[in-house]
């Protein structure tokens, strides 16, 4: 199983959390000595996070 986020540490102390890493079409080299991320993938990930944050911030009870 690929673990692309560190959210497992949050869950291990009893805090529910979603693991999300917007790195589509990227070979998993997380924490490798030659870790890299394509610039376009990185910038698209920022766009995705901004949309998620706006949606979550606008939730109403």
C-alpha atoms as a PDB file:
ATOM      1  CA  UNK A   1       0.000   0.000   0.000  1.00  0.00           C
ATOM      2  CA  UNK A   2       1.367   3.410  -1.007  1.00  0.00           C
ATOM      3  CA  UNK A   3       1.328   5.931   1.807  1.00  0.00           C
ATOM      4  CA  UNK A   4       1.756   9.308   0.144  1.00  0.00           C
ATOM      5  CA  UNK A   5       0.815  11.423   3.161  1.00  0.00           C
ATOM      6  CA  UNK A   6       1.748  11.523   6.823  1.00  0.00           C
ATOM      7  CA  UNK A   7      -1.903  11.491   7.906  1.00  0.00           C
ATOM      8  CA  UNK A   8      -1.408   8.069   9.480  1.00  0.00           C
ATOM      9  CA  UNK A   9       0.357   9.808  12.373  1.00  0.00           C
ATOM     10  CA  UNK A  10      -2.678  12.027  12.958  1.00  0.00           C
ATOM     11  CA  UNK A  11      -4.976   9.012  12.903  1.00  0.00           C
ATOM     12  CA  UNK A  12      -2.701   7.084  15.272  1.00  0.00           C
ATOM     13  CA  UNK A  13      -3.466   9.590  18.049  1.00  0.00           C
ATOM     14  CA  UNK A  14      -7.214   9.301  17.474  1.00  0.00           C
ATOM     15  CA  UNK A  15      -7.838  12.313  15.219  1.00  0.00           C
ATOM     16  CA  UNK A  16      -9.941  11.430  12.150  1.00  0.00           C
ATOM     17  CA  UNK A  17      -8.291  12.727   8.990  1.00  0.00           C
ATOM     18  CA  UNK A  18      -8.386  12.410   5.212  1.00  0.00           C
ATOM     19  CA  UNK A  19      -5.170  11.589   3.425  1.00  0.00           C
ATOM     20  CA  UNK A  20      -4.817  13.434   0.152  1.00  0.00           C
ATOM     21  CA  UNK A  21      -1.869  14.090  -2.080  1.00  0.00           C
ATOM     22  CA  UNK A  22      -2.627  15.631  -5.491  1.00  0.00           C
ATOM     23  CA  UNK A  23       0.283  14.101  -7.367  1.00  0.00           C
ATOM     24  CA  UNK A  24      -1.321  12.541 -10.423  1.00  0.00           C
ATOM     25  CA  UNK A  25       0.849  10.845 -13.028  1.00  0.00           C
ATOM     26  CA  UNK A  26       3.861  10.944 -10.708  1.00  0.00           C
ATOM     27  CA  UNK A  27       6.147   8.059  -9.857  1.00  0.00           C
ATOM     28  CA  UNK A  28       6.112   7.600  -6.059  1.00  0.00           C
ATOM     29  CA  UNK A  29       9.546   8.761  -4.903  1.00  0.00           C
ATOM     30  CA  UNK A  30       8.428  10.232  -1.604  1.00  0.00           C
ATOM     31  CA  UNK A  31      11.335  10.772   0.783  1.00  0.00           C
ATOM     32  CA  UNK A  32      13.740   9.204  -1.695  1.00  0.00           C
ATOM     33  CA  UNK A  33      17.173  10.707  -2.320  1.00  0.00           C
ATOM     34  CA  UNK A  34      16.004  11.752  -5.800  1.00  0.00           C
ATOM     35  CA  UNK A  35      12.506  12.933  -4.861  1.00  0.00           C
ATOM     36  CA  UNK A  36      11.007  15.391  -7.319  1.00  0.00           C
ATOM     37  CA  UNK A  37       7.674  16.716  -8.517  1.00  0.00           C
ATOM     38  CA  UNK A  38       6.927  18.174 -11.915  1.00  0.00           C
ATOM     39  CA  UNK A  39       6.258  21.926 -11.735  1.00  0.00           C
ATOM     40  CA  UNK A  40       2.872  21.622 -13.480  1.00  0.00           C
ATOM     41  CA  UNK A  41       1.751  18.853 -11.114  1.00  0.00           C
ATOM     42  CA  UNK A  42       2.814  20.996  -8.141  1.00  0.00           C
ATOM     43  CA  UNK A  43       0.909  24.058  -9.388  1.00  0.00           C
ATOM     44  CA  UNK A  44      -2.195  21.970 -10.163  1.00  0.00           C
ATOM     45  CA  UNK A  45      -2.009  20.570  -6.624  1.00  0.00           C
ATOM     46  CA  UNK A  46      -2.068  24.114  -5.243  1.00  0.00           C
ATOM     47  CA  UNK A  47      -5.219  24.832  -7.279  1.00  0.00           C
ATOM     48  CA  UNK A  48      -6.869  21.678  -5.945  1.00  0.00           C
ATOM     49  CA  UNK A  49      -5.993  22.505  -2.323  1.00  0.00           C
ATOM     50  CA  UNK A  50      -7.356  26.056  -2.752  1.00  0.00           C
ATOM     51  CA  UNK A  51     -10.683  24.708  -4.038  1.00  0.00           C
ATOM     52  CA  UNK A  52     -10.892  22.206  -1.176  1.00  0.00           C
ATOM     53  CA  UNK A  53     -10.104  24.844   1.452  1.00  0.00           C
ATOM     54  CA  UNK A  54     -12.686  27.261   0.025  1.00  0.00           C
ATOM     55  CA  UNK A  55     -15.321  24.524   0.038  1.00  0.00           C
ATOM     56  CA  UNK A  56     -14.561  23.412   3.572  1.00  0.00           C
ATOM     57  CA  UNK A  57     -14.386  26.992   4.868  1.00  0.00           C
ATOM     58  CA  UNK A  58     -17.848  27.687   3.429  1.00  0.00           C
ATOM     59  CA  UNK A  59     -19.584  24.750   5.102  1.00  0.00           C
ATOM     60  CA  UNK A  60     -22.642  25.602   7.121  1.00  0.00           C
ATOM     61  CA  UNK A  61     -24.050  23.537   9.987  1.00  0.00           C
END
